Amino acid sequence: REVLHSARRDAMSYLLPHLRSGWAVDQAILTEEERVVCLRFGRDGDETCMQMDETLASVSDKVKNFAVIYCVDIDEVPDFNTMYELYDPCTCMFFFRNKHIMIDLGTGNNNKVNWAMDDKQEFIDILEVIFAGARKGRGLVVSPKDYSTKYRY
């Protein structure tokens, strides 16, 4: 049973479109005019990325009218690792009309989500807030939930 579960989780990243070059990432950000571009940077085989990919794959159809989700393997496409400080196992960044949209999650790092979110509705809410704020011209939006106590048990 555990083998089936892990095989299903490995397959999650394959349900999402991958960008295989720096040029493809740039084009995705540049050419999308109406929707938020969510880029998941990480390694497909990483446990944290698998968790995040599961969430992303399950919400991608629900958010397709206002957001598009892509995966970028940081080993295959190292072009952005230094520029975006991609040192975490899994990082989600958001762009709208060729502009990086920052989000205040209460963590001190407003550039990205750098942990796996397993609550699908929370991630949809974040995408909705980003979309609404970005359409109004805001470069920084405030998350609907404060994640500052995320690591406190």
N, C-alpha and C. Protein backbone atom coordinates (compact mmCIF):
# COMPACT_ATOMS: atom_id res chain seq x y z
N ARG A 1 0.81 -1.19 0.00
CA ARG A 1 0.00 0.00 0.00
C ARG A 1 0.86 1.26 0.00
N GLU A 2 1.94 1.25 0.78
CA GLU A 2 2.85 2.39 0.83
C GLU A 2 3.51 2.65 -0.53
N VAL A 3 3.80 1.59 -1.26
CA VAL A 3 4.40 1.73 -2.58
C VAL A 3 3.45 2.46 -3.53
N LEU A 4 2.19 2.12 -3.48
CA LEU A 4 1.20 2.79 -4.32
C LEU A 4 1.10 4.27 -3.97
N HIS A 5 1.10 4.54 -2.65
CA HIS A 5 1.00 5.93 -2.21
C HIS A 5 2.20 6.75 -2.71
N SER A 6 3.41 6.21 -2.57
CA SER A 6 4.58 6.96 -3.01
C SER A 6 4.62 7.08 -4.54
N ALA A 7 4.17 6.07 -5.24
CA ALA A 7 4.14 6.14 -6.71
C ALA A 7 3.17 7.23 -7.16
N ARG A 8 2.05 7.35 -6.44
CA ARG A 8 1.08 8.38 -6.78
C ARG A 8 1.68 9.77 -6.52
N ARG A 9 2.42 9.91 -5.43
CA ARG A 9 3.02 11.20 -5.12
C ARG A 9 4.13 11.56 -6.09
N ASP A 10 4.90 10.56 -6.55
CA ASP A 10 5.93 10.82 -7.55
C ASP A 10 5.32 11.36 -8.84
N ALA A 11 4.13 10.88 -9.14
CA ALA A 11 3.47 11.26 -10.38
C ALA A 11 2.91 12.67 -10.34
N MET A 12 2.79 13.26 -9.16
CA MET A 12 2.15 14.57 -9.04
C MET A 12 2.85 15.64 -9.88
N SER A 13 4.17 15.67 -9.88
CA SER A 13 4.85 16.71 -10.65
C SER A 13 4.60 16.55 -12.15
N TYR A 14 4.29 15.34 -12.56
CA TYR A 14 4.04 15.12 -13.99
C TYR A 14 2.65 15.59 -14.41
N LEU A 15 1.81 15.93 -13.45
CA LEU A 15 0.50 16.49 -13.77
C LEU A 15 0.60 17.99 -14.03
N LEU A 16 1.75 18.55 -13.75
CA LEU A 16 1.95 19.99 -13.93
C LEU A 16 2.92 20.24 -15.08
N PRO A 17 2.69 21.32 -15.84
CA PRO A 17 3.63 21.63 -16.92
C PRO A 17 4.99 22.06 -16.36
N HIS A 18 6.04 21.58 -17.01
CA HIS A 18 7.41 21.92 -16.61
C HIS A 18 8.03 22.89 -17.61
N LEU A 19 8.83 23.80 -17.10
CA LEU A 19 9.60 24.70 -17.94
C LEU A 19 11.04 24.21 -17.88
N ARG A 20 11.59 23.87 -19.06
CA ARG A 20 12.87 23.15 -19.12
C ARG A 20 14.08 24.02 -19.45
N SER A 21 13.88 25.34 -19.57
CA SER A 21 15.01 26.22 -19.86
C SER A 21 14.74 27.61 -19.29
N GLY A 22 15.80 28.37 -19.15
CA GLY A 22 15.65 29.75 -18.69
C GLY A 22 14.78 30.56 -19.64
N TRP A 23 14.94 30.29 -20.93
CA TRP A 23 14.14 31.00 -21.94
C TRP A 23 12.66 30.68 -21.76
N ALA A 24 12.33 29.42 -21.50
CA ALA A 24 10.93 29.01 -21.31
C ALA A 24 10.33 29.69 -20.07
N VAL A 25 11.12 29.82 -19.02
CA VAL A 25 10.64 30.50 -17.80
C VAL A 25 10.36 31.97 -18.12
N ASP A 26 11.31 32.61 -18.80
CA ASP A 26 11.13 34.02 -19.18
C ASP A 26 9.89 34.20 -20.04
N GLN A 27 9.70 33.32 -21.01
CA GLN A 27 8.54 33.42 -21.90
C GLN A 27 7.23 33.24 -21.14
N ALA A 28 7.21 32.31 -20.19
CA ALA A 28 6.00 32.09 -19.39
C ALA A 28 5.63 33.36 -18.62
N ILE A 29 6.66 34.01 -18.06
CA ILE A 29 6.42 35.23 -17.28
C ILE A 29 6.04 36.40 -18.19
N LEU A 30 6.72 36.50 -19.34
CA LEU A 30 6.51 37.63 -20.25
C LEU A 30 5.20 37.56 -21.01
N THR A 31 4.79 36.38 -21.44
CA THR A 31 3.66 36.28 -22.36
C THR A 31 2.30 36.17 -21.69
N GLU A 32 2.25 35.82 -20.42
CA GLU A 32 0.95 35.71 -19.75
C GLU A 32 0.47 37.10 -19.34
N GLU A 33 -0.61 37.54 -19.98
CA GLU A 33 -1.11 38.91 -19.76
C GLU A 33 -2.23 39.00 -18.73
N GLU A 34 -3.02 37.94 -18.60
CA GLU A 34 -4.25 38.04 -17.81
C GLU A 34 -4.23 37.27 -16.49
N ARG A 35 -3.28 36.34 -16.34
CA ARG A 35 -3.30 35.48 -15.16
C ARG A 35 -2.00 35.60 -14.36
N VAL A 36 -2.08 35.21 -13.10
CA VAL A 36 -0.90 35.12 -12.26
C VAL A 36 -0.10 33.91 -12.71
N VAL A 37 1.21 34.04 -12.82
CA VAL A 37 2.09 32.92 -13.12
C VAL A 37 2.72 32.47 -11.80
N CYS A 38 2.42 31.24 -11.42
CA CYS A 38 2.99 30.66 -10.20
C CYS A 38 4.08 29.69 -10.62
N LEU A 39 5.31 29.94 -10.19
CA LEU A 39 6.43 29.06 -10.53
C LEU A 39 6.87 28.32 -9.27
N ARG A 40 6.88 27.00 -9.37
CA ARG A 40 7.38 26.17 -8.26
C ARG A 40 8.79 25.75 -8.62
N PHE A 41 9.77 26.34 -7.93
CA PHE A 41 11.17 25.98 -8.13
C PHE A 41 11.53 24.89 -7.13
N GLY A 42 12.24 23.87 -7.58
CA GLY A 42 12.67 22.81 -6.68
C GLY A 42 13.10 21.60 -7.48
N ARG A 43 13.19 20.46 -6.79
CA ARG A 43 13.54 19.20 -7.45
C ARG A 43 12.34 18.27 -7.39
N ASP A 44 11.99 17.67 -8.52
CA ASP A 44 10.80 16.82 -8.60
C ASP A 44 10.83 15.66 -7.60
N GLY A 45 12.02 15.15 -7.31
CA GLY A 45 12.14 14.00 -6.43
C GLY A 45 12.18 14.36 -4.95
N ASP A 46 12.23 15.65 -4.62
CA ASP A 46 12.32 16.07 -3.23
C ASP A 46 10.98 15.90 -2.52
N GLU A 47 11.01 15.40 -1.30
CA GLU A 47 9.78 15.12 -0.54
C GLU A 47 8.91 16.37 -0.36
N THR A 48 9.56 17.50 -0.04
CA THR A 48 8.82 18.75 0.14
C THR A 48 8.15 19.18 -1.15
N CYS A 49 8.88 19.05 -2.27
CA CYS A 49 8.31 19.40 -3.58
C CYS A 49 7.15 18.49 -3.94
N MET A 50 7.28 17.21 -3.60
CA MET A 50 6.19 16.27 -3.90
C MET A 50 4.92 16.68 -3.16
N GLN A 51 5.07 17.10 -1.91
CA GLN A 51 3.91 17.55 -1.15
C GLN A 51 3.29 18.78 -1.81
N MET A 52 4.14 19.74 -2.17
CA MET A 52 3.66 20.98 -2.79
C MET A 52 3.04 20.69 -4.15
N ASP A 53 3.67 19.80 -4.93
CA ASP A 53 3.14 19.45 -6.26
C ASP A 53 1.76 18.82 -6.15
N GLU A 54 1.55 18.05 -5.10
CA GLU A 54 0.24 17.44 -4.89
C GLU A 54 -0.82 18.53 -4.71
N THR A 55 -0.49 19.53 -3.92
CA THR A 55 -1.41 20.66 -3.71
C THR A 55 -1.60 21.44 -5.01
N LEU A 56 -0.49 21.74 -5.69
CA LEU A 56 -0.56 22.51 -6.93
C LEU A 56 -1.38 21.79 -8.00
N ALA A 57 -1.15 20.49 -8.15
CA ALA A 57 -1.88 19.72 -9.16
C ALA A 57 -3.37 19.70 -8.85
N SER A 58 -3.72 19.60 -7.58
CA SER A 58 -5.13 19.51 -7.23
C SER A 58 -5.86 20.85 -7.37
N VAL A 59 -5.14 21.97 -7.26
CA VAL A 59 -5.80 23.27 -7.39
C VAL A 59 -5.68 23.87 -8.79
N SER A 60 -4.82 23.32 -9.62
CA SER A 60 -4.54 23.97 -10.92
C SER A 60 -5.80 24.13 -11.78
N ASP A 61 -6.68 23.16 -11.74
CA ASP A 61 -7.91 23.27 -12.54
C ASP A 61 -8.87 24.29 -11.95
N LYS A 62 -8.89 24.40 -10.63
CA LYS A 62 -9.80 25.34 -9.97
C LYS A 62 -9.39 26.80 -10.18
N VAL A 63 -8.09 27.03 -10.38
CA VAL A 63 -7.60 28.40 -10.49
C VAL A 63 -7.23 28.78 -11.93
N LYS A 64 -7.55 27.92 -12.89
CA LYS A 64 -7.09 28.12 -14.27
C LYS A 64 -7.57 29.42 -14.90
N ASN A 65 -8.64 30.02 -14.39
CA ASN A 65 -9.14 31.27 -14.95
C ASN A 65 -8.32 32.48 -14.54
N PHE A 66 -7.60 32.38 -13.42
CA PHE A 66 -6.83 33.54 -12.97
C PHE A 66 -5.38 33.23 -12.62
N ALA A 67 -4.97 31.96 -12.74
CA ALA A 67 -3.57 31.62 -12.44
C ALA A 67 -3.13 30.42 -13.27
N VAL A 68 -1.85 30.38 -13.59
CA VAL A 68 -1.25 29.25 -14.29
C VAL A 68 -0.04 28.81 -13.48
N ILE A 69 0.11 27.50 -13.33
CA ILE A 69 1.15 26.95 -12.46
C ILE A 69 2.16 26.16 -13.28
N TYR A 70 3.44 26.44 -13.07
CA TYR A 70 4.51 25.72 -13.74
C TYR A 70 5.52 25.21 -12.71
N CYS A 71 6.20 24.13 -13.06
CA CYS A 71 7.30 23.61 -12.25
C CYS A 71 8.61 23.88 -12.96
N VAL A 72 9.62 24.25 -12.19
CA VAL A 72 10.96 24.47 -12.72
C VAL A 72 11.94 23.70 -11.84
N ASP A 73 12.69 22.79 -12.45
CA ASP A 73 13.68 22.02 -11.71
C ASP A 73 14.95 22.87 -11.58
N ILE A 74 15.38 23.12 -10.34
CA ILE A 74 16.51 24.02 -10.12
C ILE A 74 17.85 23.43 -10.53
N ASP A 75 17.91 22.12 -10.76
CA ASP A 75 19.13 21.51 -11.28
C ASP A 75 19.16 21.59 -12.80
N GLU A 76 18.01 21.42 -13.41
CA GLU A 76 17.89 21.46 -14.87
C GLU A 76 17.98 22.90 -15.39
N VAL A 77 17.41 23.85 -14.63
CA VAL A 77 17.42 25.26 -15.01
C VAL A 77 18.01 26.07 -13.84
N PRO A 78 19.34 26.14 -13.75
CA PRO A 78 19.97 26.83 -12.61
C PRO A 78 20.03 28.35 -12.78
N ASP A 79 19.53 28.87 -13.89
CA ASP A 79 19.66 30.28 -14.23
C ASP A 79 19.16 31.23 -13.14
N PHE A 80 18.12 30.84 -12.40
CA PHE A 80 17.47 31.75 -11.47
C PHE A 80 17.85 31.49 -10.02
N ASN A 81 18.68 30.47 -9.76
CA ASN A 81 18.99 30.07 -8.39
C ASN A 81 19.60 31.21 -7.57
N THR A 82 20.55 31.94 -8.16
CA THR A 82 21.18 33.05 -7.44
C THR A 82 20.27 34.27 -7.42
N MET A 83 19.70 34.60 -8.56
CA MET A 83 18.86 35.79 -8.67
C MET A 83 17.68 35.77 -7.69
N TYR A 84 17.01 34.61 -7.58
CA TYR A 84 15.84 34.50 -6.70
C TYR A 84 16.18 33.83 -5.36
N GLU A 85 17.47 33.60 -5.09
CA GLU A 85 17.91 32.98 -3.84
C GLU A 85 17.16 31.68 -3.57
N LEU A 86 17.27 30.76 -4.51
CA LEU A 86 16.54 29.49 -4.43
C LEU A 86 17.36 28.45 -3.68
N TYR A 87 17.41 28.59 -2.37
CA TYR A 87 18.20 27.68 -1.55
C TYR A 87 17.34 26.66 -0.81
N ASP A 88 16.03 26.88 -0.79
CA ASP A 88 15.11 25.98 -0.09
C ASP A 88 14.76 24.80 -0.97
N PRO A 89 14.32 23.69 -0.37
CA PRO A 89 13.95 22.51 -1.18
C PRO A 89 12.82 22.81 -2.16
N CYS A 90 11.91 23.69 -1.76
CA CYS A 90 10.75 24.00 -2.61
C CYS A 90 10.40 25.47 -2.43
N THR A 91 10.22 26.17 -3.54
CA THR A 91 9.93 27.60 -3.50
C THR A 91 8.86 27.93 -4.54
N CYS A 92 7.82 28.65 -4.12
CA CYS A 92 6.82 29.15 -5.07
C CYS A 92 6.94 30.66 -5.16
N MET A 93 7.01 31.14 -6.40
CA MET A 93 7.07 32.58 -6.64
C MET A 93 5.95 32.96 -7.59
N PHE A 94 5.52 34.22 -7.51
CA PHE A 94 4.35 34.66 -8.26
C PHE A 94 4.68 35.88 -9.10
N PHE A 95 4.16 35.88 -10.33
CA PHE A 95 4.41 36.97 -11.27
C PHE A 95 3.09 37.35 -11.93
N PHE A 96 2.95 38.63 -12.26
CA PHE A 96 1.77 39.11 -12.97
C PHE A 96 2.22 40.18 -13.94
N ARG A 97 1.93 39.98 -15.22
CA ARG A 97 2.33 40.93 -16.28
C ARG A 97 3.81 41.30 -16.17
N ASN A 98 4.65 40.26 -16.10
CA ASN A 98 6.11 40.41 -16.08
C ASN A 98 6.63 41.13 -14.84
N LYS A 99 5.86 41.09 -13.75
CA LYS A 99 6.29 41.73 -12.52
C LYS A 99 6.22 40.72 -11.38
N HIS A 100 7.30 40.65 -10.60
CA HIS A 100 7.31 39.77 -9.44
C HIS A 100 6.37 40.35 -8.39
N ILE A 101 5.39 39.56 -7.97
CA ILE A 101 4.45 39.99 -6.94
C ILE A 101 4.89 39.40 -5.61
N MET A 102 5.15 40.28 -4.66
CA MET A 102 5.57 39.82 -3.34
C MET A 102 4.33 39.65 -2.46
N ILE A 103 4.43 38.75 -1.50
CA ILE A 103 3.31 38.50 -0.60
C ILE A 103 3.82 38.46 0.84
N ASP A 104 3.16 39.25 1.69
CA ASP A 104 3.51 39.28 3.11
C ASP A 104 2.80 38.13 3.80
N LEU A 105 3.58 37.11 4.14
CA LEU A 105 3.03 35.91 4.79
C LEU A 105 3.27 35.93 6.30
N GLY A 106 3.90 36.98 6.78
CA GLY A 106 4.22 37.07 8.20
C GLY A 106 5.52 36.36 8.56
N THR A 107 6.23 35.86 7.55
CA THR A 107 7.45 35.09 7.80
C THR A 107 8.72 35.94 7.70
N GLY A 108 8.59 37.16 7.23
CA GLY A 108 9.76 38.01 7.03
C GLY A 108 10.31 37.94 5.62
N ASN A 109 10.00 36.88 4.89
CA ASN A 109 10.43 36.76 3.50
C ASN A 109 9.21 36.98 2.61
N ASN A 110 9.12 38.17 2.02
CA ASN A 110 7.95 38.52 1.22
C ASN A 110 8.09 38.11 -0.24
N ASN A 111 9.22 37.52 -0.62
CA ASN A 111 9.45 37.19 -2.02
C ASN A 111 8.80 35.90 -2.48
N LYS A 112 8.58 34.95 -1.55
CA LYS A 112 8.18 33.61 -1.99
C LYS A 112 7.59 32.80 -0.85
N VAL A 113 6.93 31.72 -1.24
CA VAL A 113 6.47 30.70 -0.29
C VAL A 113 7.53 29.61 -0.35
N ASN A 114 8.23 29.35 0.76
CA ASN A 114 9.34 28.40 0.70
C ASN A 114 9.11 27.18 1.60
N TRP A 115 7.87 26.75 1.66
CA TRP A 115 7.52 25.50 2.34
C TRP A 115 6.37 24.85 1.57
N ALA A 116 6.12 23.59 1.85
CA ALA A 116 5.04 22.89 1.16
C ALA A 116 3.72 23.20 1.86
N MET A 117 2.75 23.64 1.10
CA MET A 117 1.42 23.89 1.67
C MET A 117 0.55 22.68 1.35
N ASP A 118 -0.06 22.13 2.37
CA ASP A 118 -0.90 20.97 2.11
C ASP A 118 -2.39 21.31 2.17
N ASP A 119 -2.72 22.52 2.57
CA ASP A 119 -4.12 22.95 2.58
C ASP A 119 -4.44 23.60 1.23
N LYS A 120 -5.23 22.91 0.44
CA LYS A 120 -5.53 23.38 -0.92
C LYS A 120 -6.26 24.72 -0.91
N GLN A 121 -7.25 24.86 -0.03
CA GLN A 121 -8.02 26.10 0.00
C GLN A 121 -7.16 27.29 0.41
N GLU A 122 -6.22 27.08 1.32
CA GLU A 122 -5.31 28.16 1.71
C GLU A 122 -4.50 28.64 0.52
N PHE A 123 -4.03 27.70 -0.31
CA PHE A 123 -3.24 28.09 -1.47
C PHE A 123 -4.10 28.82 -2.50
N ILE A 124 -5.34 28.35 -2.70
CA ILE A 124 -6.26 29.05 -3.60
C ILE A 124 -6.49 30.47 -3.10
N ASP A 125 -6.69 30.62 -1.78
CA ASP A 125 -6.90 31.95 -1.20
C ASP A 125 -5.70 32.86 -1.46
N ILE A 126 -4.49 32.32 -1.32
CA ILE A 126 -3.28 33.11 -1.58
C ILE A 126 -3.24 33.56 -3.04
N LEU A 127 -3.53 32.63 -3.96
CA LEU A 127 -3.54 32.98 -5.39
C LEU A 127 -4.59 34.05 -5.68
N GLU A 128 -5.77 33.96 -5.05
CA GLU A 128 -6.83 34.95 -5.27
C GLU A 128 -6.40 36.33 -4.79
N VAL A 129 -5.76 36.38 -3.62
CA VAL A 129 -5.29 37.66 -3.07
C VAL A 129 -4.22 38.26 -3.98
N ILE A 130 -3.31 37.43 -4.46
CA ILE A 130 -2.26 37.90 -5.36
C ILE A 130 -2.87 38.44 -6.65
N PHE A 131 -3.82 37.70 -7.22
CA PHE A 131 -4.46 38.13 -8.46
C PHE A 131 -5.18 39.47 -8.27
N ALA A 132 -5.98 39.57 -7.20
CA ALA A 132 -6.74 40.80 -6.96
C ALA A 132 -5.81 41.99 -6.74
N GLY A 133 -4.77 41.80 -5.93
CA GLY A 133 -3.83 42.89 -5.66
C GLY A 133 -3.02 43.28 -6.88
N ALA A 134 -2.56 42.28 -7.62
CA ALA A 134 -1.73 42.55 -8.80
C ALA A 134 -2.52 43.29 -9.87
N ARG A 135 -3.79 42.95 -10.02
CA ARG A 135 -4.63 43.66 -11.02
C ARG A 135 -4.81 45.13 -10.65
N LYS A 136 -4.72 45.42 -9.37
CA LYS A 136 -4.84 46.81 -8.92
C LYS A 136 -3.50 47.52 -8.95
N GLY A 137 -2.45 46.82 -9.41
CA GLY A 137 -1.14 47.43 -9.54
C GLY A 137 -0.27 47.30 -8.31
N ARG A 138 -0.67 46.51 -7.35
CA ARG A 138 0.12 46.35 -6.13
C ARG A 138 1.25 45.36 -6.36
N GLY A 139 2.42 45.70 -5.89
CA GLY A 139 3.57 44.80 -6.00
C GLY A 139 3.76 43.94 -4.77
N LEU A 140 3.03 44.31 -3.68
CA LEU A 140 3.08 43.55 -2.44
C LEU A 140 1.66 43.39 -1.93
N VAL A 141 1.27 42.16 -1.69
CA VAL A 141 -0.06 41.89 -1.14
C VAL A 141 0.11 41.19 0.22
N VAL A 142 -0.94 41.25 1.02
CA VAL A 142 -0.90 40.64 2.35
C VAL A 142 -1.68 39.34 2.31
N SER A 143 -1.05 38.28 2.80
CA SER A 143 -1.67 36.96 2.82
C SER A 143 -2.93 36.97 3.69
N PRO A 144 -3.94 36.18 3.30
CA PRO A 144 -5.14 36.11 4.13
C PRO A 144 -4.89 35.42 5.48
N LYS A 145 -3.78 34.70 5.59
CA LYS A 145 -3.44 34.02 6.84
C LYS A 145 -2.01 34.39 7.24
N ASP A 146 -1.78 34.53 8.54
CA ASP A 146 -0.45 34.84 9.05
C ASP A 146 0.29 33.53 9.32
N TYR A 147 1.43 33.35 8.66
CA TYR A 147 2.22 32.13 8.82
C TYR A 147 3.41 32.32 9.75
N SER A 148 3.41 33.40 10.53
CA SER A 148 4.56 33.67 11.40
C SER A 148 4.73 32.62 12.48
N THR A 149 3.66 31.93 12.86
CA THR A 149 3.75 30.91 13.90
C THR A 149 3.69 29.50 13.33
N LYS A 150 3.98 29.40 12.04
CA LYS A 150 3.88 28.12 11.35
C LYS A 150 4.71 27.02 12.02
N TYR A 151 5.88 27.35 12.52
CA TYR A 151 6.77 26.33 13.07
C TYR A 151 6.59 26.13 14.58
N ARG A 152 5.67 26.87 15.18
CA ARG A 152 5.41 26.67 16.61
C ARG A 152 4.36 25.59 16.75
N TYR A 153 4.61 24.64 17.63
CA TYR A 153 3.69 23.51 17.75
C TYR A 153 2.79 23.65 18.93
